[in-house]
Amino acid sequence: MRYLTPVLFAAAASVLSTAAANADLGDQLFKLLPDDGAAGDGFGSVAIDGTTAIVGAIGDDDNGDSSGSAYLFDTTKGDQIAKLLPKDGALDDLFGSSVAISGATAIVGAWHDDDNGTWSGSAYLFDTTTGRQIAKLLPEDGVTGEWFGRSVAISGTTAIGGATRDCDNGDSSGSARVFDISDPANPTQIAKLLANDAAEGDFLGVSVAISGDTAIVGASGDDDNGAGSGSAYLFDLVVVPACPSDLDGDGNVGILDLLTLLANWGRCP
């Protein structure tokens, strides 16, 4: 039986103009439909960067009921470019529940994936120029039922995934993990984001976004303004070196570090 959610279940996606030479502001340009769309596919989670759009379809069944898929589209023509499927897709993964894109890299969440236990969740990186899977993202401390991949975002060489049911600060307090994808085939988790005032039922990670060195993470269950009033948190993603004095990065502080300092002595640019 296919898995349907009111928020994500949709039949189509539309591309609207915000600035086009031959269209008025806000004119619909195209309606996007998958080439192999079918009843219950749930096509409709969306993201866009430049002239490429991505749309998830959590109910697609190429790898089993509600295994899910995602589609890439050329927004200048409205044409489908590729269909994205994970190499290890399986029944009820809900792949495509969240999508994001930056340049030639797309990220797709599958919060029912079970590599770290039932519904532990995962996210996948894809090359948008070829449609091929690059890597799979899994939290270092992922556990059963935390729903990692419930939300995803990407900016340049940094990706982030939310896990609304993480329990570090109480049941469903939530979290988000940040990954360095500068080597896309070998992504590395670099941080786990937790709210300073986190509490049970906050659902931190229900939404995520990232720009440069700053991430924003939604917590729809936070109660500062009343039960379920919600909040959002900003996080600094600048990585501080473990040993700032190790200027040449060899794991030691020595004469070479001093020489590096002296070679760059003077006014900063």
Foldseek 3Di string as FASTA:
>chain_A
DADDDPVQQDQWAWDFDCDDPPDDHGHTDDIAHDPPDDPQQSWGAWEDDDQKIKIKGQQDQPAHGSLIWMWIAGNVVSHTDDIADDPPGHYQQSWRLEKEDEDQKIKIWRQQDQPQHGSLIWMWIAGNVVNDTQAIGDDPPTHYPQRWRLYKEDYDQKIKTWRQQDQPAHGRLIKMWMWGCPVVNDIDTDDIGHDPPTHYQQSWRNYKYDDDQKIKIWRQQDQPPHGRNIDMDIDGNDDDDPDVLPVVPPPDRDDVSVVVCVVPDDDDD
